[in-house]
Amino acid sequence: MAKQPEAILGNHIKKYLEVRGWRLIKLHGNQFQSGLPDYVALYPGGKIKWIEIKTPTGRLSARQIEKFSLLEKMGQQIYILTCLEECKWLDMPPNWSTHVRF
């Protein structure tokens, strides 16, 4: 069975970041985790980021927008990554809200 493009990209991003010291925990989607980002990314020293993997044409669902808004209000940082080059964005302000399209 072939993997979906987001899953393939997610595996590449996970490997790329883990070589650089990050540890990514995959959040398995089920009815109780609906809307959560794909990964929680941990870095030594207490740095925590939430990562959602999307293809360049991918869109956030209404449930994701709802959950991401809640996480942000609680002080969490959520990033949407669509390619390896965007991993550098983890040192910049969160970008998830720039991906909200209606």
N, C-alpha and C. Protein backbone atom coordinates (compact mmCIF):
# COMPACT_ATOMS: atom_id res chain seq x y z
N MET A 1 0.84 -1.18 0.00
CA MET A 1 0.00 0.00 0.00
C MET A 1 0.89 1.25 0.00
N ALA A 2 0.66 2.13 -0.91
CA ALA A 2 1.47 3.35 -1.04
C ALA A 2 1.12 4.34 0.06
N LYS A 3 2.14 5.05 0.54
CA LYS A 3 1.92 6.06 1.56
C LYS A 3 1.38 7.34 0.91
N GLN A 4 0.63 8.08 1.69
CA GLN A 4 0.09 9.36 1.24
C GLN A 4 1.22 10.40 1.21
N PRO A 5 1.10 11.42 0.34
CA PRO A 5 2.17 12.44 0.25
C PRO A 5 2.49 13.10 1.59
N GLU A 6 1.50 13.41 2.42
CA GLU A 6 1.77 14.04 3.71
C GLU A 6 2.55 13.10 4.63
N ALA A 7 2.25 11.81 4.58
CA ALA A 7 2.97 10.84 5.42
C ALA A 7 4.43 10.72 4.98
N ILE A 8 4.66 10.71 3.70
CA ILE A 8 6.03 10.64 3.18
C ILE A 8 6.80 11.89 3.59
N LEU A 9 6.20 13.05 3.38
CA LEU A 9 6.83 14.32 3.78
C LEU A 9 7.08 14.34 5.29
N GLY A 10 6.12 13.88 6.07
CA GLY A 10 6.27 13.85 7.52
C GLY A 10 7.45 13.01 7.95
N ASN A 11 7.65 11.87 7.30
CA ASN A 11 8.80 11.01 7.62
C ASN A 11 10.12 11.71 7.32
N HIS A 12 10.18 12.41 6.19
CA HIS A 12 11.40 13.15 5.83
C HIS A 12 11.69 14.27 6.84
N ILE A 13 10.65 15.01 7.21
CA ILE A 13 10.82 16.10 8.16
C ILE A 13 11.24 15.56 9.52
N LYS A 14 10.63 14.47 9.95
CA LYS A 14 10.98 13.84 11.24
C LYS A 14 12.46 13.45 11.26
N LYS A 15 12.91 12.78 10.22
CA LYS A 15 14.32 12.37 10.15
C LYS A 15 15.25 13.59 10.14
N TYR A 16 14.90 14.59 9.35
CA TYR A 16 15.71 15.81 9.24
C TYR A 16 15.86 16.49 10.60
N LEU A 17 14.75 16.65 11.31
CA LEU A 17 14.81 17.35 12.60
C LEU A 17 15.48 16.50 13.68
N GLU A 18 15.27 15.20 13.65
CA GLU A 18 15.87 14.35 14.69
C GLU A 18 17.39 14.32 14.58
N VAL A 19 17.93 14.41 13.37
CA VAL A 19 19.39 14.50 13.20
C VAL A 19 19.91 15.80 13.84
N ARG A 20 19.06 16.79 13.94
CA ARG A 20 19.44 18.10 14.49
C ARG A 20 19.08 18.24 15.97
N GLY A 21 18.76 17.14 16.63
CA GLY A 21 18.53 17.17 18.06
C GLY A 21 17.09 17.19 18.53
N TRP A 22 16.14 17.40 17.63
CA TRP A 22 14.73 17.38 17.98
C TRP A 22 14.26 15.94 18.18
N ARG A 23 13.22 15.75 18.97
CA ARG A 23 12.53 14.47 19.08
C ARG A 23 11.08 14.73 18.76
N LEU A 24 10.56 14.03 17.76
CA LEU A 24 9.18 14.22 17.34
C LEU A 24 8.33 13.05 17.79
N ILE A 25 7.20 13.37 18.37
CA ILE A 25 6.24 12.36 18.80
C ILE A 25 5.03 12.47 17.89
N LYS A 26 4.74 11.40 17.17
CA LYS A 26 3.60 11.37 16.25
C LYS A 26 2.33 11.22 17.06
N LEU A 27 1.37 12.07 16.79
CA LEU A 27 0.06 11.97 17.42
C LEU A 27 -0.85 11.20 16.48
N HIS A 28 -1.24 10.03 16.88
CA HIS A 28 -2.07 9.18 16.02
C HIS A 28 -3.49 9.71 16.02
N GLY A 29 -4.03 9.90 14.84
CA GLY A 29 -5.38 10.42 14.72
C GLY A 29 -6.43 9.40 15.12
N ASN A 30 -7.32 9.81 15.97
CA ASN A 30 -8.51 9.03 16.29
C ASN A 30 -9.59 10.02 16.69
N GLN A 31 -10.74 9.52 17.05
CA GLN A 31 -11.85 10.42 17.34
C GLN A 31 -11.58 11.37 18.51
N PHE A 32 -10.68 10.99 19.40
CA PHE A 32 -10.38 11.84 20.55
C PHE A 32 -9.25 12.83 20.28
N GLN A 33 -8.53 12.64 19.20
CA GLN A 33 -7.42 13.54 18.86
C GLN A 33 -7.73 14.36 17.61
N SER A 34 -8.93 14.34 17.17
CA SER A 34 -9.32 15.07 15.96
C SER A 34 -8.91 16.54 16.06
N GLY A 35 -8.19 17.00 15.05
CA GLY A 35 -7.79 18.40 14.99
C GLY A 35 -6.43 18.71 15.57
N LEU A 36 -5.81 17.75 16.27
CA LEU A 36 -4.48 18.01 16.81
C LEU A 36 -3.44 17.99 15.69
N PRO A 37 -2.34 18.73 15.88
CA PRO A 37 -1.25 18.68 14.90
C PRO A 37 -0.69 17.26 14.78
N ASP A 38 0.07 17.02 13.72
CA ASP A 38 0.64 15.69 13.47
C ASP A 38 1.70 15.29 14.49
N TYR A 39 2.51 16.25 14.94
CA TYR A 39 3.62 15.95 15.82
C TYR A 39 3.73 16.96 16.96
N VAL A 40 4.25 16.49 18.08
CA VAL A 40 4.78 17.36 19.12
C VAL A 40 6.30 17.23 18.98
N ALA A 41 6.98 18.36 18.81
CA ALA A 41 8.44 18.37 18.63
C ALA A 41 9.08 18.91 19.91
N LEU A 42 10.02 18.13 20.44
CA LEU A 42 10.71 18.49 21.68
C LEU A 42 12.18 18.70 21.41
N TYR A 43 12.73 19.75 22.03
CA TYR A 43 14.15 20.04 21.89
C TYR A 43 14.74 20.20 23.28
N PRO A 44 15.99 19.74 23.48
CA PRO A 44 16.61 19.88 24.80
C PRO A 44 16.51 21.31 25.33
N GLY A 45 16.29 21.43 26.61
CA GLY A 45 16.17 22.75 27.23
C GLY A 45 14.72 23.18 27.40
N GLY A 46 13.79 22.31 27.02
CA GLY A 46 12.38 22.60 27.24
C GLY A 46 11.62 23.21 26.08
N LYS A 47 12.24 23.30 24.92
CA LYS A 47 11.56 23.87 23.75
C LYS A 47 10.53 22.87 23.23
N ILE A 48 9.29 23.32 23.07
CA ILE A 48 8.20 22.48 22.55
C ILE A 48 7.52 23.21 21.40
N LYS A 49 7.36 22.52 20.30
CA LYS A 49 6.65 23.07 19.14
C LYS A 49 5.65 22.01 18.66
N TRP A 50 4.58 22.43 18.09
CA TRP A 50 3.59 21.55 17.48
C TRP A 50 3.72 21.70 15.97
N ILE A 51 3.74 20.58 15.26
CA ILE A 51 3.96 20.61 13.81
C ILE A 51 2.84 19.89 13.08
N GLU A 52 2.29 20.58 12.10
CA GLU A 52 1.30 20.00 11.19
C GLU A 52 1.96 19.90 9.82
N ILE A 53 1.88 18.75 9.21
CA ILE A 53 2.45 18.53 7.88
C ILE A 53 1.32 18.67 6.86
N LYS A 54 1.57 19.48 5.85
CA LYS A 54 0.60 19.66 4.75
C LYS A 54 1.35 19.66 3.43
N THR A 55 0.69 19.21 2.39
CA THR A 55 1.23 19.41 1.06
C THR A 55 1.07 20.89 0.74
N PRO A 56 1.77 21.42 -0.25
CA PRO A 56 1.64 22.85 -0.57
C PRO A 56 0.20 23.29 -0.85
N THR A 57 -0.65 22.39 -1.29
CA THR A 57 -2.05 22.76 -1.57
C THR A 57 -2.99 22.35 -0.45
N GLY A 58 -2.45 21.75 0.61
CA GLY A 58 -3.29 21.28 1.71
C GLY A 58 -3.93 22.42 2.49
N ARG A 59 -5.09 22.13 3.06
CA ARG A 59 -5.82 23.12 3.85
C ARG A 59 -6.09 22.57 5.24
N LEU A 60 -6.20 23.49 6.19
CA LEU A 60 -6.57 23.09 7.54
C LEU A 60 -8.07 22.85 7.60
N SER A 61 -8.45 21.85 8.37
CA SER A 61 -9.88 21.58 8.56
C SER A 61 -10.43 22.54 9.62
N ALA A 62 -11.74 22.63 9.69
CA ALA A 62 -12.38 23.48 10.70
C ALA A 62 -11.98 23.02 12.11
N ARG A 63 -11.91 21.72 12.30
CA ARG A 63 -11.52 21.16 13.60
C ARG A 63 -10.07 21.53 13.94
N GLN A 64 -9.19 21.51 12.95
CA GLN A 64 -7.80 21.91 13.18
C GLN A 64 -7.72 23.38 13.56
N ILE A 65 -8.43 24.22 12.87
CA ILE A 65 -8.42 25.66 13.18
C ILE A 65 -8.90 25.88 14.61
N GLU A 66 -9.93 25.16 15.01
CA GLU A 66 -10.45 25.27 16.37
C GLU A 66 -9.40 24.84 17.41
N LYS A 67 -8.78 23.67 17.19
CA LYS A 67 -7.78 23.16 18.14
C LYS A 67 -6.52 24.01 18.14
N PHE A 68 -6.07 24.43 16.97
CA PHE A 68 -4.86 25.24 16.88
C PHE A 68 -5.07 26.58 17.60
N SER A 69 -6.26 27.15 17.46
CA SER A 69 -6.58 28.41 18.15
C SER A 69 -6.51 28.22 19.66
N LEU A 70 -7.05 27.11 20.15
CA LEU A 70 -7.01 26.82 21.58
C LEU A 70 -5.56 26.64 22.06
N LEU A 71 -4.79 25.86 21.32
CA LEU A 71 -3.39 25.65 21.69
C LEU A 71 -2.64 26.98 21.74
N GLU A 72 -2.87 27.83 20.75
CA GLU A 72 -2.20 29.12 20.70
C GLU A 72 -2.59 29.98 21.91
N LYS A 73 -3.88 29.97 22.27
CA LYS A 73 -4.33 30.75 23.44
C LYS A 73 -3.68 30.26 24.72
N MET A 74 -3.28 28.99 24.73
CA MET A 74 -2.62 28.40 25.90
C MET A 74 -1.10 28.55 25.83
N GLY A 75 -0.61 29.36 24.87
CA GLY A 75 0.81 29.66 24.79
C GLY A 75 1.64 28.69 23.96
N GLN A 76 0.97 27.81 23.22
CA GLN A 76 1.69 26.84 22.41
C GLN A 76 2.01 27.41 21.03
N GLN A 77 3.05 26.89 20.40
CA GLN A 77 3.48 27.35 19.08
C GLN A 77 3.20 26.26 18.06
N ILE A 78 2.42 26.60 17.03
CA ILE A 78 2.03 25.64 16.01
C ILE A 78 2.59 26.09 14.67
N TYR A 79 3.23 25.14 13.98
CA TYR A 79 3.85 25.41 12.68
C TYR A 79 3.28 24.48 11.63
N ILE A 80 3.04 25.02 10.46
CA ILE A 80 2.66 24.22 9.30
C ILE A 80 3.91 24.11 8.44
N LEU A 81 4.31 22.88 8.13
CA LEU A 81 5.48 22.65 7.29
C LEU A 81 5.03 21.92 6.02
N THR A 82 5.45 22.45 4.87
CA THR A 82 5.08 21.85 3.59
C THR A 82 6.29 21.31 2.83
N CYS A 83 7.49 21.52 3.38
CA CYS A 83 8.71 21.00 2.76
C CYS A 83 9.84 21.05 3.78
N LEU A 84 10.93 20.36 3.48
CA LEU A 84 12.08 20.33 4.40
C LEU A 84 12.65 21.72 4.67
N GLU A 85 12.69 22.55 3.66
CA GLU A 85 13.30 23.88 3.80
C GLU A 85 12.58 24.71 4.86
N GLU A 86 11.31 24.43 5.10
CA GLU A 86 10.55 25.21 6.07
C GLU A 86 10.88 24.85 7.52
N CYS A 87 11.66 23.80 7.73
CA CYS A 87 12.05 23.44 9.10
C CYS A 87 12.77 24.59 9.79
N LYS A 88 13.42 25.45 9.03
CA LYS A 88 14.12 26.60 9.62
C LYS A 88 13.12 27.55 10.28
N TRP A 89 11.86 27.46 9.92
CA TRP A 89 10.83 28.33 10.49
C TRP A 89 10.60 28.06 11.97
N LEU A 90 11.08 26.93 12.48
CA LEU A 90 10.87 26.63 13.89
C LEU A 90 11.59 27.62 14.80
N ASP A 91 12.51 28.41 14.24
CA ASP A 91 13.18 29.47 15.00
C ASP A 91 12.49 30.82 14.82
N MET A 92 11.38 30.83 14.11
CA MET A 92 10.64 32.06 13.84
C MET A 92 9.28 31.99 14.53
N PRO A 93 8.51 33.09 14.51
CA PRO A 93 7.17 33.03 15.11
C PRO A 93 6.30 31.98 14.40
N PRO A 94 5.37 31.39 15.14
CA PRO A 94 4.49 30.37 14.56
C PRO A 94 3.77 30.88 13.31
N ASN A 95 3.56 29.97 12.36
CA ASN A 95 2.99 30.38 11.07
C ASN A 95 1.62 29.77 10.77
N TRP A 96 1.03 29.04 11.71
CA TRP A 96 -0.17 28.29 11.36
C TRP A 96 -1.31 29.19 10.88
N SER A 97 -1.46 30.36 11.46
CA SER A 97 -2.61 31.19 11.10
C SER A 97 -2.51 31.74 9.67
N THR A 98 -1.31 31.74 9.09
CA THR A 98 -1.18 32.19 7.69
C THR A 98 -1.72 31.15 6.72
N HIS A 99 -2.01 29.94 7.22
CA HIS A 99 -2.53 28.87 6.37
C HIS A 99 -4.03 28.73 6.44
N VAL A 100 -4.69 29.60 7.19
CA VAL A 100 -6.15 29.54 7.28
C VAL A 100 -6.74 30.20 6.05
N ARG A 101 -7.45 29.39 5.28
CA ARG A 101 -8.11 29.89 4.07
C ARG A 101 -9.57 29.50 4.11
N PHE A 102 -10.40 30.44 3.75
CA PHE A 102 -11.85 30.16 3.76
C PHE A 102 -12.38 30.08 2.36
